[in-house]
Amino acid sequence: MPLYRDFSDDNATILLWKYDEREELNSQFLVEEENYDKIKDYHPTKLKELLLVRKILKSVFPNHKILYHDRTPYLFPNDFEISVTHSFPYAALAISKNKIGIDIEPFNPKIKRIQHKFLQEDEADFIEKEKEVAYLTVIWSLKESLYKIHHSNYWSLKKHYEIKPFSLDFPFNIQCRVHDDKVSDLFNARVEFFENYCFTIVD
């Protein structure tokens, strides 16, 4: 079994799997008939990520499917909320009664080049300079998780998604906000670390 970590809590089942080349990933068995056309031109790595997510689902709900509304995945039967993320060789699935967003990101210094696209001035103020890459990666990942819960084609990660001050030494109960002229919704988040990755959970 390629289960790598179990981040489940009282509110959600959250499973992270790691690809193992010895593991059988049978697309005919794992992929939903409704998604055959969607995956036919996938890159082999992207296909493996999708199949890993399906294998996670089969381990929890063998008779459920992951379908898509536009590009947003949802569970069928639609009795739970889900969130999906992957960064090969890892893939993760969260299943919850409530809205949930998860994201995996590797730590990479290149993130400093794009911080102007997602970082608010108030967020820059609490970043510890010697840990800049880690903070930027976590903030980016938290906003990606937020976006999966609360998204709009008209919103930007910089303007409408806000991460309140937090410390990497205790990355739990992090306050996040999604807002525009009409909306202001607060969420709680936590961050988990493994190898050279961060894994963010917002619910």
C-alpha atoms as a PDB file:
ATOM      1  CA  MET A   1       0.000   0.000   0.000  1.00  0.00           C
ATOM      2  CA  PRO A   2       1.437   3.414  -0.935  1.00  0.00           C
ATOM      3  CA  LEU A   3      -0.175   5.268   1.994  1.00  0.00           C
ATOM      4  CA  TYR A   4       2.491   7.737   3.077  1.00  0.00           C
ATOM      5  CA  ARG A   5       0.784   9.827   5.763  1.00  0.00           C
ATOM      6  CA  ASP A   6      -2.627   9.991   7.372  1.00  0.00           C
ATOM      7  CA  PHE A   7      -3.571  13.560   8.335  1.00  0.00           C
ATOM      8  CA  SER A   8      -7.165  12.721   9.251  1.00  0.00           C
ATOM      9  CA  ASP A   9      -8.837  14.429  12.185  1.00  0.00           C
ATOM     10  CA  ASP A  10     -12.296  14.521  13.763  1.00  0.00           C
ATOM     11  CA  ASN A  11     -13.651  16.511  10.827  1.00  0.00           C
ATOM     12  CA  ALA A  12     -12.161  14.849   7.766  1.00  0.00           C
ATOM     13  CA  THR A  13     -10.361  11.870   6.273  1.00  0.00           C
ATOM     14  CA  ILE A  14      -7.148  13.211   4.728  1.00  0.00           C
ATOM     15  CA  LEU A  15      -4.822  10.672   3.113  1.00  0.00           C
ATOM     16  CA  LEU A  16      -1.487  11.295   1.398  1.00  0.00           C
ATOM     17  CA  TRP A  17      -0.117   8.566  -0.882  1.00  0.00           C
ATOM     18  CA  LYS A  18       3.276   8.210  -2.548  1.00  0.00           C
ATOM     19  CA  TYR A  19       3.701   6.550  -5.917  1.00  0.00           C
ATOM     20  CA  ASP A  20       5.384   3.156  -5.853  1.00  0.00           C
ATOM     21  CA  GLU A  21       6.293   1.676  -9.237  1.00  0.00           C
ATOM     22  CA  ARG A  22       5.426  -1.768  -7.878  1.00  0.00           C
ATOM     23  CA  GLU A  23       1.866  -0.644  -7.192  1.00  0.00           C
ATOM     24  CA  GLU A  24      -0.675  -1.558  -9.842  1.00  0.00           C
ATOM     25  CA  LEU A  25      -2.523   1.456 -11.250  1.00  0.00           C
ATOM     26  CA  ASN A  26      -5.084   0.035 -13.650  1.00  0.00           C
ATOM     27  CA  SER A  27      -6.750   2.918 -15.502  1.00  0.00           C
ATOM     28  CA  GLN A  28      -9.571   0.706 -16.808  1.00  0.00           C
ATOM     29  CA  PHE A  29     -10.499  -0.194 -13.244  1.00  0.00           C
ATOM     30  CA  LEU A  30      -9.795   3.136 -11.544  1.00  0.00           C
ATOM     31  CA  VAL A  31     -10.955   5.783 -14.017  1.00  0.00           C
ATOM     32  CA  GLU A  32     -14.641   6.599 -14.195  1.00  0.00           C
ATOM     33  CA  GLU A  33     -16.284   6.047 -17.558  1.00  0.00           C
ATOM     34  CA  GLU A  34     -17.357   9.703 -17.565  1.00  0.00           C
ATOM     35  CA  ASN A  35     -13.682  10.739 -17.478  1.00  0.00           C
ATOM     36  CA  TYR A  36     -12.276   8.546 -20.262  1.00  0.00           C
ATOM     37  CA  ASP A  37     -12.208  11.408 -22.779  1.00  0.00           C
ATOM     38  CA  LYS A  38     -10.717  13.753 -20.197  1.00  0.00           C
ATOM     39  CA  ILE A  39      -7.627  11.610 -19.593  1.00  0.00           C
ATOM     40  CA  LYS A  40      -6.907  10.230 -23.052  1.00  0.00           C
ATOM     41  CA  ASP A  41      -4.195  12.815 -23.808  1.00  0.00           C
ATOM     42  CA  TYR A  42      -2.769  13.115 -20.293  1.00  0.00           C
ATOM     43  CA  HIS A  43       0.992  13.083 -19.791  1.00  0.00           C
ATOM     44  CA  PRO A  44       1.994   9.765 -18.116  1.00  0.00           C
ATOM     45  CA  THR A  45       2.961  11.532 -14.886  1.00  0.00           C
ATOM     46  CA  LYS A  46      -0.309  13.450 -14.708  1.00  0.00           C
ATOM     47  CA  LEU A  47      -2.200  10.220 -15.333  1.00  0.00           C
ATOM     48  CA  LYS A  48      -0.379   8.513 -12.458  1.00  0.00           C
ATOM     49  CA  GLU A  49      -1.364  11.374 -10.157  1.00  0.00           C
ATOM     50  CA  LEU A  50      -5.007  11.005 -11.161  1.00  0.00           C
ATOM     51  CA  LEU A  51      -4.886   7.239 -10.707  1.00  0.00           C
ATOM     52  CA  LEU A  52      -3.323   7.591  -7.270  1.00  0.00           C
ATOM     53  CA  VAL A  53      -6.189   9.841  -6.189  1.00  0.00           C
ATOM     54  CA  ARG A  54      -8.686   7.259  -7.474  1.00  0.00           C
ATOM     55  CA  LYS A  55      -6.885   4.531  -5.578  1.00  0.00           C
ATOM     56  CA  ILE A  56      -7.132   6.566  -2.382  1.00  0.00           C
ATOM     57  CA  LEU A  57     -10.864   6.973  -2.977  1.00  0.00           C
ATOM     58  CA  LYS A  58     -11.307   3.229  -3.586  1.00  0.00           C
ATOM     59  CA  SER A  59      -9.647   2.535  -0.228  1.00  0.00           C
ATOM     60  CA  VAL A  60     -12.286   4.650   1.540  1.00  0.00           C
ATOM     61  CA  PHE A  61     -15.399   4.582  -0.664  1.00  0.00           C
ATOM     62  CA  PRO A  62     -15.038   1.830  -3.288  1.00  0.00           C
ATOM     63  CA  ASN A  63     -18.391   2.620  -4.909  1.00  0.00           C
ATOM     64  CA  HIS A  64     -17.991   6.389  -5.244  1.00  0.00           C
ATOM     65  CA  LYS A  65     -16.692   8.364  -8.231  1.00  0.00           C
ATOM     66  CA  ILE A  66     -14.827  11.622  -8.702  1.00  0.00           C
ATOM     67  CA  LEU A  67     -16.506  13.655 -11.420  1.00  0.00           C
ATOM     68  CA  TYR A  68     -16.051  17.265 -12.541  1.00  0.00           C
ATOM     69  CA  HIS A  69     -18.126  20.383 -12.776  1.00  0.00           C
ATOM     70  CA  ASP A  70     -16.104  22.501 -15.174  1.00  0.00           C
ATOM     71  CA  ARG A  71     -12.649  21.717 -13.720  1.00  0.00           C
ATOM     72  CA  THR A  72     -13.762  21.321 -10.110  1.00  0.00           C
ATOM     73  CA  PRO A  73     -13.842  17.737  -8.777  1.00  0.00           C
ATOM     74  CA  TYR A  74     -16.792  16.501  -6.780  1.00  0.00           C
ATOM     75  CA  LEU A  75     -17.836  13.211  -5.256  1.00  0.00           C
ATOM     76  CA  PHE A  76     -20.678  11.114  -6.665  1.00  0.00           C
ATOM     77  CA  PRO A  77     -22.868  10.229  -4.847  1.00  0.00           C
ATOM     78  CA  ASN A  78     -22.493  13.769  -3.565  1.00  0.00           C
ATOM     79  CA  ASP A  79     -22.745  12.983   0.157  1.00  0.00           C
ATOM     80  CA  PHE A  80     -19.334  14.412   1.112  1.00  0.00           C
ATOM     81  CA  GLU A  81     -17.121  17.333   0.127  1.00  0.00           C
ATOM     82  CA  ILE A  82     -13.709  16.533  -1.356  1.00  0.00           C
ATOM     83  CA  SER A  83     -10.450  18.239  -2.226  1.00  0.00           C
ATOM     84  CA  VAL A  84      -7.662  16.837  -4.377  1.00  0.00           C
ATOM     85  CA  THR A  85      -3.994  17.756  -4.718  1.00  0.00           C
ATOM     86  CA  HIS A  86      -0.868  16.198  -6.205  1.00  0.00           C
ATOM     87  CA  SER A  87       2.790  16.886  -6.819  1.00  0.00           C
ATOM     88  CA  PHE A  88       4.374  13.756  -8.213  1.00  0.00           C
ATOM     89  CA  PRO A  89       5.223  11.325  -6.656  1.00  0.00           C
ATOM     90  CA  TYR A  90       2.612  12.424  -4.084  1.00  0.00           C
ATOM     91  CA  ALA A  91      -1.163  12.669  -4.293  1.00  0.00           C
ATOM     92  CA  ALA A  92      -3.722  13.401  -1.610  1.00  0.00           C
ATOM     93  CA  LEU A  93      -7.463  13.309  -1.107  1.00  0.00           C
ATOM     94  CA  ALA A  94      -9.556  14.957   1.617  1.00  0.00           C
ATOM     95  CA  ILE A  95     -13.115  13.825   2.317  1.00  0.00           C
ATOM     96  CA  SER A  96     -15.288  15.814   4.708  1.00  0.00           C
ATOM     97  CA  LYS A  97     -18.868  16.663   5.608  1.00  0.00           C
ATOM     98  CA  ASN A  98     -17.819  20.312   5.318  1.00  0.00           C
ATOM     99  CA  LYS A  99     -16.013  22.360   2.668  1.00  0.00           C
ATOM    100  CA  ILE A 100     -12.293  21.576   2.690  1.00  0.00           C
ATOM    101  CA  GLY A 101      -9.237  22.556   0.652  1.00  0.00           C
ATOM    102  CA  ILE A 102      -5.820  20.865   0.556  1.00  0.00           C
ATOM    103  CA  ASP A 103      -2.616  21.576  -1.343  1.00  0.00           C
ATOM    104  CA  ILE A 104       0.911  20.143  -1.658  1.00  0.00           C
ATOM    105  CA  GLU A 105       3.850  22.373  -2.612  1.00  0.00           C
ATOM    106  CA  PRO A 106       7.597  21.656  -2.785  1.00  0.00           C
ATOM    107  CA  PHE A 107       9.963  24.208  -1.274  1.00  0.00           C
ATOM    108  CA  ASN A 108      11.731  25.961  -4.133  1.00  0.00           C
ATOM    109  CA  PRO A 109      13.652  29.268  -4.061  1.00  0.00           C
ATOM    110  CA  LYS A 110      12.062  30.197  -7.404  1.00  0.00           C
ATOM    111  CA  ILE A 111       8.922  31.167  -5.498  1.00  0.00           C
ATOM    112  CA  LYS A 112      10.641  34.448  -4.583  1.00  0.00           C
ATOM    113  CA  ARG A 113      10.359  35.503  -8.229  1.00  0.00           C
ATOM    114  CA  ILE A 114       6.560  35.377  -8.203  1.00  0.00           C
ATOM    115  CA  GLN A 115       5.787  36.620  -4.685  1.00  0.00           C
ATOM    116  CA  HIS A 116       4.513  39.917  -6.116  1.00  0.00           C
ATOM    117  CA  LYS A 117       1.647  37.967  -7.686  1.00  0.00           C
ATOM    118  CA  PHE A 118       0.197  36.609  -4.432  1.00  0.00           C
ATOM    119  CA  LEU A 119       1.796  38.271  -1.373  1.00  0.00           C
ATOM    120  CA  GLN A 120       0.021  41.116   0.413  1.00  0.00           C
ATOM    121  CA  GLU A 121       1.997  43.809   2.224  1.00  0.00           C
ATOM    122  CA  ASP A 122       0.658  42.727   5.628  1.00  0.00           C
ATOM    123  CA  GLU A 123       1.720  39.140   4.926  1.00  0.00           C
ATOM    124  CA  ALA A 124       5.257  40.209   4.034  1.00  0.00           C
ATOM    125  CA  ASP A 125       5.555  41.909   7.448  1.00  0.00           C
ATOM    126  CA  PHE A 126       5.525  38.651   9.467  1.00  0.00           C
ATOM    127  CA  ILE A 127       7.901  36.648   7.246  1.00  0.00           C
ATOM    128  CA  GLU A 128      11.181  35.747   8.938  1.00  0.00           C
ATOM    129  CA  LYS A 129      13.844  36.689   6.391  1.00  0.00           C
ATOM    130  CA  GLU A 130      16.032  33.641   7.037  1.00  0.00           C
ATOM    131  CA  LYS A 131      13.007  31.423   6.353  1.00  0.00           C
ATOM    132  CA  GLU A 132      11.621  33.430   3.439  1.00  0.00           C
ATOM    133  CA  VAL A 133      11.241  30.540   0.980  1.00  0.00           C
ATOM    134  CA  ALA A 134       9.405  28.421   3.537  1.00  0.00           C
ATOM    135  CA  TYR A 135       7.003  31.216   4.488  1.00  0.00           C
ATOM    136  CA  LEU A 136       6.304  32.163   0.885  1.00  0.00           C
ATOM    137  CA  THR A 137       5.636  28.533  -0.038  1.00  0.00           C
ATOM    138  CA  VAL A 138       3.270  28.031   2.881  1.00  0.00           C
ATOM    139  CA  ILE A 139       1.380  31.263   2.140  1.00  0.00           C
ATOM    140  CA  TRP A 140       1.066  30.303  -1.531  1.00  0.00           C
ATOM    141  CA  SER A 141      -0.135  26.819  -0.590  1.00  0.00           C
ATOM    142  CA  LEU A 142      -2.646  28.143   1.946  1.00  0.00           C
ATOM    143  CA  LYS A 143      -4.122  30.431  -0.705  1.00  0.00           C
ATOM    144  CA  GLU A 144      -4.325  27.545  -3.163  1.00  0.00           C
ATOM    145  CA  SER A 145      -6.208  25.527  -0.533  1.00  0.00           C
ATOM    146  CA  LEU A 146      -8.486  28.499   0.152  1.00  0.00           C
ATOM    147  CA  TYR A 147      -9.175  28.880  -3.547  1.00  0.00           C
ATOM    148  CA  LYS A 148     -10.424  25.297  -3.736  1.00  0.00           C
ATOM    149  CA  ILE A 149     -13.054  26.104  -1.104  1.00  0.00           C
ATOM    150  CA  HIS A 150     -13.975  29.608  -2.162  1.00  0.00           C
ATOM    151  CA  HIS A 151     -13.128  30.527  -5.732  1.00  0.00           C
ATOM    152  CA  SER A 152     -14.150  32.948  -8.420  1.00  0.00           C
ATOM    153  CA  ASN A 153     -12.851  33.769 -11.881  1.00  0.00           C
ATOM    154  CA  TYR A 154     -12.833  37.405 -10.798  1.00  0.00           C
ATOM    155  CA  TRP A 155     -10.670  37.053  -7.705  1.00  0.00           C
ATOM    156  CA  SER A 156      -6.885  37.197  -7.342  1.00  0.00           C
ATOM    157  CA  LEU A 157      -4.736  35.356  -4.792  1.00  0.00           C
ATOM    158  CA  LYS A 158      -3.102  38.655  -3.869  1.00  0.00           C
ATOM    159  CA  LYS A 159      -6.155  40.864  -3.488  1.00  0.00           C
ATOM    160  CA  HIS A 160      -8.893  38.580  -2.184  1.00  0.00           C
ATOM    161  CA  TYR A 161      -7.130  35.849  -0.171  1.00  0.00           C
ATOM    162  CA  GLU A 162      -5.503  36.860   3.107  1.00  0.00           C
ATOM    163  CA  ILE A 163      -3.351  34.859   5.532  1.00  0.00           C
ATOM    164  CA  LYS A 164      -3.108  36.185   9.074  1.00  0.00           C
ATOM    165  CA  PRO A 165       0.266  36.176  10.889  1.00  0.00           C
ATOM    166  CA  PHE A 166       1.559  32.753  11.923  1.00  0.00           C
ATOM    167  CA  SER A 167       4.800  31.062  12.937  1.00  0.00           C
ATOM    168  CA  LEU A 168       6.397  28.091  11.181  1.00  0.00           C
ATOM    169  CA  ASP A 169       7.245  26.755  14.646  1.00  0.00           C
ATOM    170  CA  PHE A 170       3.543  26.223  15.345  1.00  0.00           C
ATOM    171  CA  PRO A 171       1.663  26.200  12.025  1.00  0.00           C
ATOM    172  CA  PHE A 172      -1.772  25.362  13.411  1.00  0.00           C
ATOM    173  CA  ASN A 173      -5.022  27.294  13.826  1.00  0.00           C
ATOM    174  CA  ILE A 174      -3.873  29.715  11.152  1.00  0.00           C
ATOM    175  CA  GLN A 175      -6.527  32.303  10.360  1.00  0.00           C
ATOM    176  CA  CYS A 176      -7.342  32.883   6.676  1.00  0.00           C
ATOM    177  CA  ARG A 177      -9.825  35.198   5.022  1.00  0.00           C
ATOM    178  CA  VAL A 178     -11.513  35.386   1.628  1.00  0.00           C
ATOM    179  CA  HIS A 179     -13.056  38.766   0.907  1.00  0.00           C
ATOM    180  CA  ASP A 180     -14.305  41.256  -1.626  1.00  0.00           C
ATOM    181  CA  ASP A 181     -16.825  44.102  -1.467  1.00  0.00           C
ATOM    182  CA  LYS A 182     -19.641  41.707  -0.585  1.00  0.00           C
ATOM    183  CA  VAL A 183     -17.961  38.708   1.078  1.00  0.00           C
ATOM    184  CA  SER A 184     -15.755  38.231   4.128  1.00  0.00           C
ATOM    185  CA  ASP A 185     -15.385  34.594   5.188  1.00  0.00           C
ATOM    186  CA  LEU A 186     -12.950  33.317   7.803  1.00  0.00           C
ATOM    187  CA  PHE A 187     -11.340  29.865   7.811  1.00  0.00           C
ATOM    188  CA  ASN A 188      -8.902  27.919   9.979  1.00  0.00           C
ATOM    189  CA  ALA A 189      -5.871  26.156   8.535  1.00  0.00           C
ATOM    190  CA  ARG A 190      -2.959  23.984   9.486  1.00  0.00           C
ATOM    191  CA  VAL A 191       0.315  23.095   7.804  1.00  0.00           C
ATOM    192  CA  GLU A 192       2.149  19.764   7.841  1.00  0.00           C
ATOM    193  CA  PHE A 193       5.731  19.247   6.665  1.00  0.00           C
ATOM    194  CA  PHE A 194       7.352  16.166   5.128  1.00  0.00           C
ATOM    195  CA  GLU A 195      10.583  15.756   3.189  1.00  0.00           C
ATOM    196  CA  ASN A 196      10.910  18.946   1.077  1.00  0.00           C
ATOM    197  CA  TYR A 197       7.183  19.680   0.932  1.00  0.00           C
ATOM    198  CA  CYS A 198       4.470  21.488   2.794  1.00  0.00           C
ATOM    199  CA  PHE A 199       0.909  20.226   2.949  1.00  0.00           C
ATOM    200  CA  THR A 200      -1.843  22.717   3.788  1.00  0.00           C
ATOM    201  CA  ILE A 201      -5.340  21.976   5.042  1.00  0.00           C
ATOM    202  CA  VAL A 202      -8.071  24.623   5.194  1.00  0.00           C
ATOM    203  CA  ASP A 203     -11.557  23.924   6.525  1.00  0.00           C
END
